[in-house]
Amino acid sequence: GIAGHGKGSATVRLEPDGPDETILHYTAQATVGGKIAQIGSRLIDIAAQRMAADFFAAFKRKVQERQAGEAAGLPRAALPGTRAAAP
């Protein structure tokens, strides 16, 4: 468009680390062009890093909530992040 263009991709890899731990590795790449690129890639990188940090903080909270629910013996349908099966 008038402001320019952007394109991005991410790769996520999960690695087991013992019976109850998983390490999450991720890489992300983005390219921008046009007028938006004139803002500066540094500002765009900072915004992308903040978005990734916010995402993984929320992801961690959800996983911890689910683990706490499982430890409390809640039924699967009551666990955070669980969707009811379609009829």
N, C-alpha and C. Protein backbone atom coordinates (compact mmCIF):
# COMPACT_ATOMS: atom_id res chain seq x y z
N GLY A 1 0.81 -1.18 0.00
CA GLY A 1 0.00 0.00 0.00
C GLY A 1 0.86 1.25 0.00
N ILE A 2 0.25 2.36 0.30
CA ILE A 2 0.92 3.65 0.30
C ILE A 2 2.05 3.69 1.33
N ALA A 3 1.82 3.08 2.50
CA ALA A 3 2.81 3.12 3.57
C ALA A 3 3.98 2.19 3.32
N GLY A 4 3.82 1.22 2.47
CA GLY A 4 4.89 0.26 2.22
C GLY A 4 4.38 -1.15 2.38
N HIS A 5 5.29 -2.04 2.66
CA HIS A 5 4.90 -3.44 2.81
C HIS A 5 5.76 -4.11 3.87
N GLY A 6 5.26 -5.20 4.36
CA GLY A 6 6.00 -5.98 5.35
C GLY A 6 5.70 -7.45 5.17
N LYS A 7 6.66 -8.26 5.56
CA LYS A 7 6.50 -9.70 5.45
C LYS A 7 7.27 -10.31 6.61
N GLY A 8 6.72 -11.35 7.20
CA GLY A 8 7.40 -11.98 8.31
C GLY A 8 7.14 -13.47 8.38
N SER A 9 8.00 -14.14 9.11
CA SER A 9 7.82 -15.58 9.35
C SER A 9 8.48 -15.93 10.67
N ALA A 10 8.05 -17.05 11.23
CA ALA A 10 8.62 -17.51 12.48
C ALA A 10 8.71 -19.03 12.44
N THR A 11 9.71 -19.54 13.12
CA THR A 11 9.87 -20.98 13.28
C THR A 11 9.94 -21.28 14.77
N VAL A 12 9.15 -22.25 15.21
CA VAL A 12 9.12 -22.64 16.61
C VAL A 12 9.51 -24.10 16.70
N ARG A 13 10.39 -24.41 17.65
CA ARG A 13 10.82 -25.79 17.86
C ARG A 13 10.71 -26.11 19.34
N LEU A 14 10.05 -27.22 19.67
CA LEU A 14 9.92 -27.67 21.05
C LEU A 14 10.91 -28.80 21.29
N GLU A 15 11.60 -28.71 22.41
CA GLU A 15 12.62 -29.72 22.75
C GLU A 15 12.33 -30.27 24.14
N PRO A 16 12.13 -31.59 24.28
CA PRO A 16 11.89 -32.14 25.61
C PRO A 16 13.12 -31.96 26.49
N ASP A 17 12.87 -31.68 27.77
CA ASP A 17 13.96 -31.52 28.73
C ASP A 17 13.54 -32.22 30.02
N GLY A 18 13.58 -33.52 30.00
CA GLY A 18 13.12 -34.30 31.14
C GLY A 18 11.65 -34.64 31.00
N PRO A 19 11.10 -35.31 32.01
CA PRO A 19 9.72 -35.79 31.91
C PRO A 19 8.67 -34.68 32.01
N ASP A 20 9.00 -33.56 32.64
CA ASP A 20 7.99 -32.52 32.87
C ASP A 20 8.38 -31.15 32.34
N GLU A 21 9.40 -31.07 31.53
CA GLU A 21 9.88 -29.78 31.03
C GLU A 21 9.99 -29.81 29.51
N THR A 22 9.77 -28.66 28.91
CA THR A 22 9.94 -28.49 27.47
C THR A 22 10.60 -27.15 27.23
N ILE A 23 11.60 -27.14 26.37
CA ILE A 23 12.26 -25.89 25.99
C ILE A 23 11.69 -25.46 24.65
N LEU A 24 11.29 -24.20 24.57
CA LEU A 24 10.74 -23.65 23.36
C LEU A 24 11.80 -22.76 22.72
N HIS A 25 12.17 -23.06 21.49
CA HIS A 25 13.11 -22.25 20.72
C HIS A 25 12.34 -21.58 19.60
N TYR A 26 12.64 -20.32 19.33
CA TYR A 26 11.98 -19.68 18.20
C TYR A 26 12.91 -18.69 17.53
N THR A 27 12.71 -18.55 16.24
CA THR A 27 13.40 -17.52 15.46
C THR A 27 12.33 -16.83 14.62
N ALA A 28 12.54 -15.56 14.41
CA ALA A 28 11.59 -14.79 13.62
C ALA A 28 12.37 -13.89 12.68
N GLN A 29 11.81 -13.68 11.51
CA GLN A 29 12.41 -12.80 10.52
C GLN A 29 11.33 -11.91 9.95
N ALA A 30 11.70 -10.67 9.70
CA ALA A 30 10.75 -9.73 9.10
C ALA A 30 11.50 -8.84 8.12
N THR A 31 10.79 -8.46 7.08
CA THR A 31 11.34 -7.49 6.13
C THR A 31 10.26 -6.45 5.86
N VAL A 32 10.70 -5.22 5.71
CA VAL A 32 9.77 -4.14 5.39
C VAL A 32 10.36 -3.32 4.26
N GLY A 33 9.50 -2.66 3.53
CA GLY A 33 9.95 -1.82 2.43
C GLY A 33 9.02 -0.64 2.25
N GLY A 34 9.43 0.29 1.47
CA GLY A 34 8.62 1.47 1.21
C GLY A 34 8.76 2.50 2.32
N LYS A 35 7.76 3.35 2.45
CA LYS A 35 7.82 4.44 3.42
C LYS A 35 7.93 3.95 4.86
N ILE A 36 7.30 2.82 5.16
CA ILE A 36 7.36 2.31 6.52
C ILE A 36 8.80 1.96 6.92
N ALA A 37 9.61 1.56 5.97
CA ALA A 37 11.01 1.23 6.25
C ALA A 37 11.80 2.47 6.63
N GLN A 38 11.33 3.64 6.22
CA GLN A 38 12.02 4.87 6.55
C GLN A 38 11.93 5.21 8.03
N ILE A 39 10.94 4.64 8.72
CA ILE A 39 10.81 4.85 10.16
C ILE A 39 12.08 4.35 10.85
N GLY A 40 12.61 3.32 10.30
CA GLY A 40 13.83 2.74 10.86
C GLY A 40 13.61 1.32 11.30
N SER A 41 14.48 0.48 10.86
CA SER A 41 14.35 -0.93 11.21
C SER A 41 14.53 -1.14 12.71
N ARG A 42 15.25 -0.25 13.37
CA ARG A 42 15.46 -0.41 14.81
C ARG A 42 14.13 -0.32 15.57
N LEU A 43 13.29 0.66 15.22
CA LEU A 43 11.98 0.79 15.88
C LEU A 43 11.09 -0.41 15.59
N ILE A 44 11.16 -0.90 14.37
CA ILE A 44 10.36 -2.06 14.00
C ILE A 44 10.85 -3.29 14.75
N ASP A 45 12.15 -3.46 14.88
CA ASP A 45 12.71 -4.58 15.65
C ASP A 45 12.27 -4.52 17.11
N ILE A 46 12.30 -3.34 17.70
CA ILE A 46 11.89 -3.18 19.10
C ILE A 46 10.42 -3.57 19.27
N ALA A 47 9.57 -3.11 18.36
CA ALA A 47 8.14 -3.45 18.43
C ALA A 47 7.93 -4.95 18.27
N ALA A 48 8.64 -5.58 17.36
CA ALA A 48 8.52 -7.02 17.14
C ALA A 48 8.98 -7.79 18.38
N GLN A 49 10.07 -7.37 18.99
CA GLN A 49 10.57 -8.04 20.20
C GLN A 49 9.57 -7.90 21.34
N ARG A 50 8.96 -6.74 21.45
CA ARG A 50 7.96 -6.53 22.51
C ARG A 50 6.75 -7.42 22.28
N MET A 51 6.31 -7.53 21.03
CA MET A 51 5.17 -8.39 20.72
C MET A 51 5.49 -9.85 21.04
N ALA A 52 6.69 -10.29 20.70
CA ALA A 52 7.09 -11.68 21.00
C ALA A 52 7.14 -11.90 22.50
N ALA A 53 7.70 -10.95 23.25
CA ALA A 53 7.78 -11.08 24.71
C ALA A 53 6.38 -11.15 25.32
N ASP A 54 5.47 -10.31 24.84
CA ASP A 54 4.09 -10.32 25.34
C ASP A 54 3.41 -11.65 25.04
N PHE A 55 3.62 -12.16 23.82
CA PHE A 55 3.02 -13.44 23.45
C PHE A 55 3.52 -14.56 24.36
N PHE A 56 4.83 -14.65 24.54
CA PHE A 56 5.37 -15.76 25.32
C PHE A 56 5.05 -15.62 26.81
N ALA A 57 4.90 -14.42 27.32
CA ALA A 57 4.47 -14.23 28.71
C ALA A 57 3.04 -14.74 28.88
N ALA A 58 2.16 -14.41 27.92
CA ALA A 58 0.77 -14.88 27.98
C ALA A 58 0.72 -16.40 27.81
N PHE A 59 1.54 -16.93 26.91
CA PHE A 59 1.60 -18.38 26.69
C PHE A 59 2.03 -19.08 27.98
N LYS A 60 3.05 -18.55 28.64
CA LYS A 60 3.54 -19.15 29.89
C LYS A 60 2.44 -19.13 30.96
N ARG A 61 1.71 -18.02 31.08
CA ARG A 61 0.62 -17.94 32.05
C ARG A 61 -0.44 -19.00 31.79
N LYS A 62 -0.81 -19.17 30.52
CA LYS A 62 -1.83 -20.17 30.19
C LYS A 62 -1.36 -21.58 30.51
N VAL A 63 -0.11 -21.88 30.20
CA VAL A 63 0.43 -23.21 30.50
C VAL A 63 0.43 -23.44 32.01
N GLN A 64 0.86 -22.43 32.78
CA GLN A 64 0.89 -22.57 34.23
C GLN A 64 -0.51 -22.73 34.82
N GLU A 65 -1.49 -21.99 34.27
CA GLU A 65 -2.87 -22.14 34.73
C GLU A 65 -3.38 -23.54 34.47
N ARG A 66 -3.06 -24.06 33.29
CA ARG A 66 -3.51 -25.40 32.93
C ARG A 66 -2.86 -26.44 33.84
N GLN A 67 -1.55 -26.29 34.10
CA GLN A 67 -0.86 -27.22 34.98
C GLN A 67 -1.44 -27.18 36.39
N ALA A 68 -1.77 -25.98 36.87
CA ALA A 68 -2.37 -25.86 38.20
C ALA A 68 -3.73 -26.53 38.24
N GLY A 69 -4.52 -26.39 37.16
CA GLY A 69 -5.82 -27.04 37.08
C GLY A 69 -5.70 -28.55 37.06
N GLU A 70 -4.71 -29.05 36.31
CA GLU A 70 -4.50 -30.50 36.26
C GLU A 70 -4.07 -31.01 37.63
N ALA A 71 -3.20 -30.27 38.30
CA ALA A 71 -2.73 -30.69 39.63
C ALA A 71 -3.88 -30.68 40.63
N ALA A 72 -4.85 -29.78 40.44
CA ALA A 72 -6.01 -29.71 41.33
C ALA A 72 -7.07 -30.75 41.00
N GLY A 73 -6.86 -31.49 39.91
CA GLY A 73 -7.79 -32.55 39.53
C GLY A 73 -9.04 -32.05 38.82
N LEU A 74 -8.96 -30.86 38.22
CA LEU A 74 -10.12 -30.35 37.48
C LEU A 74 -10.38 -31.23 36.25
N PRO A 75 -11.66 -31.39 35.88
CA PRO A 75 -11.95 -32.15 34.66
C PRO A 75 -11.38 -31.43 33.44
N ARG A 76 -11.03 -32.17 32.42
CA ARG A 76 -10.39 -31.61 31.23
C ARG A 76 -11.18 -30.44 30.65
N ALA A 77 -12.50 -30.53 30.59
CA ALA A 77 -13.32 -29.47 30.00
C ALA A 77 -13.22 -28.17 30.79
N ALA A 78 -12.83 -28.24 32.05
CA ALA A 78 -12.74 -27.04 32.89
C ALA A 78 -11.36 -26.40 32.86
N LEU A 79 -10.39 -27.05 32.22
CA LEU A 79 -9.03 -26.53 32.19
C LEU A 79 -8.91 -25.34 31.25
N PRO A 80 -8.12 -24.34 31.62
CA PRO A 80 -7.92 -23.19 30.73
C PRO A 80 -7.35 -23.64 29.38
N GLY A 81 -7.85 -23.06 28.30
CA GLY A 81 -7.33 -23.37 26.98
C GLY A 81 -7.95 -24.60 26.35
N THR A 82 -8.88 -25.25 27.04
CA THR A 82 -9.53 -26.44 26.48
C THR A 82 -10.84 -26.04 25.84
N ARG A 83 -11.04 -26.48 24.62
CA ARG A 83 -12.28 -26.19 23.92
C ARG A 83 -13.17 -27.42 23.96
N ALA A 84 -14.45 -27.16 24.05
CA ALA A 84 -15.40 -28.26 24.01
C ALA A 84 -15.40 -28.89 22.63
N ALA A 85 -15.52 -30.19 22.59
CA ALA A 85 -15.56 -30.90 21.30
C ALA A 85 -16.86 -30.58 20.59
N ALA A 86 -16.77 -30.45 19.28
CA ALA A 86 -17.97 -30.20 18.47
C ALA A 86 -18.83 -31.45 18.44
N PRO A 87 -20.16 -31.28 18.46
CA PRO A 87 -21.06 -32.45 18.45
C PRO A 87 -20.97 -33.21 17.15
